[in-house]
Amino acid sequence: MITITLRLSESLLCIFRDNGDPRPESCKIQVAEGTTVKEILAGQHISPLLVPMISFKSGSENRRLETSAAITSEGVLTLYGPLAGG
């Protein structure tokens, strides 16, 4: 098992609060090595449709991920909710 820190962006936190499901900005979760981002989202009851951008920071490396990406090391997984603007 590996431990990752799951962080939610403010836009995603607002969506959960508006739906009566307040969540902490970050929490630590344990997953099996090779767990996909999509599986992590499902385990946290987060629809992939709410997360248009995902980043993962492990050590000095910070990269964007797709939901099909497998997590193979400890780090910080940040989920960004939809943004609007112009």
N, C-alpha and C. Protein backbone atom coordinates (compact mmCIF):
# COMPACT_ATOMS: atom_id res chain seq x y z
N MET A 1 0.85 -1.19 0.00
CA MET A 1 0.00 0.00 0.00
C MET A 1 0.89 1.24 0.00
N ILE A 2 0.43 2.26 -0.69
CA ILE A 2 1.12 3.54 -0.67
C ILE A 2 0.16 4.60 -0.16
N THR A 3 0.73 5.64 0.44
CA THR A 3 -0.08 6.73 0.98
C THR A 3 0.03 7.93 0.06
N ILE A 4 -1.11 8.47 -0.30
CA ILE A 4 -1.11 9.70 -1.08
C ILE A 4 -1.94 10.74 -0.33
N THR A 5 -1.60 11.99 -0.58
CA THR A 5 -2.40 13.09 -0.07
C THR A 5 -3.33 13.51 -1.19
N LEU A 6 -4.60 13.50 -0.93
CA LEU A 6 -5.61 13.89 -1.91
C LEU A 6 -6.02 15.32 -1.60
N ARG A 7 -5.81 16.22 -2.56
CA ARG A 7 -6.17 17.63 -2.38
C ARG A 7 -7.28 18.00 -3.37
N LEU A 8 -8.24 18.77 -2.89
CA LEU A 8 -9.34 19.24 -3.72
C LEU A 8 -9.22 20.75 -3.92
N SER A 9 -9.40 21.20 -5.15
CA SER A 9 -9.34 22.63 -5.44
C SER A 9 -10.56 23.32 -4.82
N GLU A 10 -10.46 24.63 -4.69
CA GLU A 10 -11.57 25.39 -4.10
C GLU A 10 -12.84 25.26 -4.93
N SER A 11 -12.71 25.23 -6.26
CA SER A 11 -13.91 25.10 -7.10
C SER A 11 -14.60 23.76 -6.86
N LEU A 12 -13.83 22.72 -6.66
CA LEU A 12 -14.41 21.40 -6.37
C LEU A 12 -15.03 21.38 -4.98
N LEU A 13 -14.35 21.99 -4.01
CA LEU A 13 -14.90 22.07 -2.65
C LEU A 13 -16.24 22.81 -2.64
N CYS A 14 -16.35 23.87 -3.45
CA CYS A 14 -17.60 24.63 -3.53
C CYS A 14 -18.74 23.77 -4.07
N ILE A 15 -18.44 22.95 -5.06
CA ILE A 15 -19.48 22.06 -5.62
C ILE A 15 -19.98 21.11 -4.54
N PHE A 16 -19.08 20.52 -3.78
CA PHE A 16 -19.50 19.60 -2.72
C PHE A 16 -20.27 20.33 -1.62
N ARG A 17 -19.79 21.51 -1.22
CA ARG A 17 -20.52 22.28 -0.18
C ARG A 17 -21.92 22.64 -0.65
N ASP A 18 -22.03 23.08 -1.90
CA ASP A 18 -23.35 23.47 -2.44
C ASP A 18 -24.32 22.29 -2.50
N ASN A 19 -23.78 21.08 -2.54
CA ASN A 19 -24.62 19.88 -2.59
C ASN A 19 -24.75 19.20 -1.23
N GLY A 20 -24.38 19.93 -0.16
CA GLY A 20 -24.53 19.39 1.19
C GLY A 20 -23.55 18.30 1.55
N ASP A 21 -22.41 18.27 0.86
CA ASP A 21 -21.39 17.24 1.10
C ASP A 21 -20.04 17.92 1.34
N PRO A 22 -19.91 18.69 2.44
CA PRO A 22 -18.64 19.38 2.67
C PRO A 22 -17.50 18.37 2.88
N ARG A 23 -16.35 18.70 2.33
CA ARG A 23 -15.19 17.82 2.44
C ARG A 23 -13.98 18.63 2.86
N PRO A 24 -12.99 17.97 3.45
CA PRO A 24 -11.76 18.68 3.80
C PRO A 24 -10.96 19.00 2.53
N GLU A 25 -10.15 20.04 2.61
CA GLU A 25 -9.32 20.41 1.46
C GLU A 25 -8.33 19.30 1.11
N SER A 26 -7.82 18.62 2.14
CA SER A 26 -6.90 17.52 1.86
C SER A 26 -7.08 16.40 2.88
N CYS A 27 -6.72 15.21 2.46
CA CYS A 27 -6.75 14.06 3.35
C CYS A 27 -5.75 13.04 2.84
N LYS A 28 -5.32 12.18 3.70
CA LYS A 28 -4.39 11.11 3.33
C LYS A 28 -5.20 9.83 3.12
N ILE A 29 -4.92 9.15 2.02
CA ILE A 29 -5.57 7.87 1.75
C ILE A 29 -4.51 6.85 1.37
N GLN A 30 -4.82 5.60 1.61
CA GLN A 30 -3.92 4.52 1.22
C GLN A 30 -4.54 3.77 0.06
N VAL A 31 -3.71 3.51 -0.95
CA VAL A 31 -4.16 2.77 -2.12
C VAL A 31 -3.10 1.74 -2.48
N ALA A 32 -3.51 0.73 -3.19
CA ALA A 32 -2.55 -0.26 -3.68
C ALA A 32 -1.74 0.37 -4.81
N GLU A 33 -0.47 0.03 -4.88
CA GLU A 33 0.36 0.51 -5.98
C GLU A 33 -0.27 0.07 -7.30
N GLY A 34 -0.37 1.00 -8.24
CA GLY A 34 -0.99 0.69 -9.53
C GLY A 34 -2.46 1.05 -9.62
N THR A 35 -3.04 1.54 -8.52
CA THR A 35 -4.43 1.99 -8.54
C THR A 35 -4.55 3.17 -9.51
N THR A 36 -5.59 3.16 -10.34
CA THR A 36 -5.76 4.27 -11.29
C THR A 36 -6.45 5.45 -10.61
N VAL A 37 -6.28 6.59 -11.23
CA VAL A 37 -6.94 7.80 -10.72
C VAL A 37 -8.45 7.59 -10.74
N LYS A 38 -8.95 6.96 -11.79
CA LYS A 38 -10.40 6.70 -11.87
C LYS A 38 -10.88 5.86 -10.70
N GLU A 39 -10.09 4.87 -10.29
CA GLU A 39 -10.46 4.03 -9.14
C GLU A 39 -10.42 4.85 -7.84
N ILE A 40 -9.46 5.76 -7.73
CA ILE A 40 -9.40 6.63 -6.55
C ILE A 40 -10.63 7.53 -6.51
N LEU A 41 -10.99 8.11 -7.65
CA LEU A 41 -12.19 8.95 -7.70
C LEU A 41 -13.43 8.15 -7.28
N ALA A 42 -13.56 6.95 -7.78
CA ALA A 42 -14.72 6.12 -7.43
C ALA A 42 -14.73 5.83 -5.93
N GLY A 43 -13.57 5.54 -5.36
CA GLY A 43 -13.48 5.26 -3.94
C GLY A 43 -13.82 6.45 -3.06
N GLN A 44 -13.65 7.65 -3.62
CA GLN A 44 -13.97 8.88 -2.88
C GLN A 44 -15.34 9.44 -3.27
N HIS A 45 -16.07 8.71 -4.10
CA HIS A 45 -17.41 9.13 -4.57
C HIS A 45 -17.35 10.47 -5.28
N ILE A 46 -16.38 10.60 -6.20
CA ILE A 46 -16.22 11.81 -6.99
C ILE A 46 -16.37 11.43 -8.46
N SER A 47 -17.32 12.05 -9.14
CA SER A 47 -17.51 11.77 -10.56
C SER A 47 -16.33 12.34 -11.36
N PRO A 48 -15.79 11.56 -12.29
CA PRO A 48 -14.72 12.09 -13.15
C PRO A 48 -15.17 13.31 -13.96
N LEU A 49 -16.47 13.46 -14.17
CA LEU A 49 -16.99 14.62 -14.90
C LEU A 49 -16.76 15.93 -14.14
N LEU A 50 -16.57 15.84 -12.82
CA LEU A 50 -16.33 17.03 -12.00
C LEU A 50 -14.86 17.42 -11.95
N VAL A 51 -13.99 16.60 -12.56
CA VAL A 51 -12.55 16.81 -12.42
C VAL A 51 -11.89 16.91 -13.80
N PRO A 52 -11.92 18.10 -14.42
CA PRO A 52 -11.33 18.23 -15.75
C PRO A 52 -9.80 18.25 -15.77
N MET A 53 -9.18 18.51 -14.61
CA MET A 53 -7.72 18.52 -14.57
C MET A 53 -7.23 17.86 -13.28
N ILE A 54 -6.18 17.06 -13.42
CA ILE A 54 -5.61 16.30 -12.30
C ILE A 54 -4.09 16.46 -12.37
N SER A 55 -3.48 16.73 -11.22
CA SER A 55 -2.02 16.75 -11.19
C SER A 55 -1.52 15.86 -10.07
N PHE A 56 -0.29 15.38 -10.25
CA PHE A 56 0.33 14.51 -9.24
C PHE A 56 1.76 14.99 -9.02
N LYS A 57 2.08 15.24 -7.77
CA LYS A 57 3.43 15.66 -7.41
C LYS A 57 4.06 14.59 -6.53
N SER A 58 5.20 14.11 -7.00
CA SER A 58 5.97 13.12 -6.25
C SER A 58 7.42 13.60 -6.26
N GLY A 59 7.95 13.91 -5.09
CA GLY A 59 9.29 14.47 -5.03
C GLY A 59 9.31 15.82 -5.72
N SER A 60 10.23 16.01 -6.66
CA SER A 60 10.30 17.28 -7.38
C SER A 60 9.54 17.24 -8.70
N GLU A 61 8.95 16.10 -9.02
CA GLU A 61 8.21 15.94 -10.27
C GLU A 61 6.74 16.28 -10.08
N ASN A 62 6.23 17.14 -10.95
CA ASN A 62 4.81 17.51 -10.93
C ASN A 62 4.29 17.34 -12.35
N ARG A 63 3.27 16.50 -12.52
CA ARG A 63 2.76 16.24 -13.87
C ARG A 63 1.25 16.15 -13.89
N ARG A 64 0.69 16.42 -15.05
CA ARG A 64 -0.75 16.26 -15.24
C ARG A 64 -1.03 14.80 -15.54
N LEU A 65 -2.18 14.33 -15.07
CA LEU A 65 -2.57 12.94 -15.28
C LEU A 65 -3.95 12.85 -15.91
N GLU A 66 -4.17 11.76 -16.58
CA GLU A 66 -5.50 11.39 -17.06
C GLU A 66 -6.09 10.43 -16.03
N THR A 67 -7.39 10.19 -16.10
CA THR A 67 -8.02 9.29 -15.13
C THR A 67 -7.55 7.85 -15.28
N SER A 68 -6.99 7.52 -16.43
CA SER A 68 -6.50 6.15 -16.65
C SER A 68 -5.10 5.92 -16.08
N ALA A 69 -4.45 6.98 -15.61
CA ALA A 69 -3.08 6.86 -15.10
C ALA A 69 -3.05 6.07 -13.79
N ALA A 70 -2.02 5.24 -13.65
CA ALA A 70 -1.83 4.46 -12.43
C ALA A 70 -0.90 5.21 -11.48
N ILE A 71 -1.23 5.18 -10.20
CA ILE A 71 -0.39 5.79 -9.18
C ILE A 71 0.58 4.72 -8.68
N THR A 72 1.88 5.00 -8.80
CA THR A 72 2.88 4.01 -8.44
C THR A 72 3.82 4.47 -7.34
N SER A 73 3.63 5.70 -6.85
CA SER A 73 4.49 6.20 -5.78
C SER A 73 3.69 7.13 -4.88
N GLU A 74 4.23 7.38 -3.69
CA GLU A 74 3.57 8.31 -2.78
C GLU A 74 3.71 9.72 -3.32
N GLY A 75 2.74 10.56 -3.01
CA GLY A 75 2.78 11.94 -3.46
C GLY A 75 1.48 12.65 -3.18
N VAL A 76 1.28 13.77 -3.87
CA VAL A 76 0.08 14.58 -3.69
C VAL A 76 -0.71 14.56 -4.99
N LEU A 77 -1.95 14.09 -4.92
CA LEU A 77 -2.86 14.05 -6.05
C LEU A 77 -3.84 15.21 -5.88
N THR A 78 -3.79 16.17 -6.80
CA THR A 78 -4.66 17.33 -6.72
C THR A 78 -5.72 17.26 -7.78
N LEU A 79 -6.97 17.43 -7.35
CA LEU A 79 -8.12 17.39 -8.25
C LEU A 79 -8.64 18.80 -8.43
N TYR A 80 -8.76 19.24 -9.68
CA TYR A 80 -9.26 20.58 -9.98
C TYR A 80 -10.65 20.49 -10.56
N GLY A 81 -11.58 21.24 -9.97
CA GLY A 81 -12.94 21.28 -10.46
C GLY A 81 -13.05 22.20 -11.65
N PRO A 82 -14.22 22.24 -12.28
CA PRO A 82 -14.41 23.11 -13.44
C PRO A 82 -14.29 24.58 -13.07
N LEU A 83 -13.76 25.34 -14.00
CA LEU A 83 -13.62 26.78 -13.83
C LEU A 83 -14.34 27.48 -14.96
N ALA A 84 -14.83 28.66 -14.69
CA ALA A 84 -15.49 29.46 -15.72
C ALA A 84 -14.83 30.82 -15.76
N GLY A 85 -14.94 31.46 -16.85
CA GLY A 85 -14.37 32.80 -16.98
C GLY A 85 -14.22 33.15 -18.44
N GLY A 86 -13.73 34.30 -18.65
CA GLY A 86 -13.59 34.70 -20.05
C GLY A 86 -12.65 35.83 -20.23
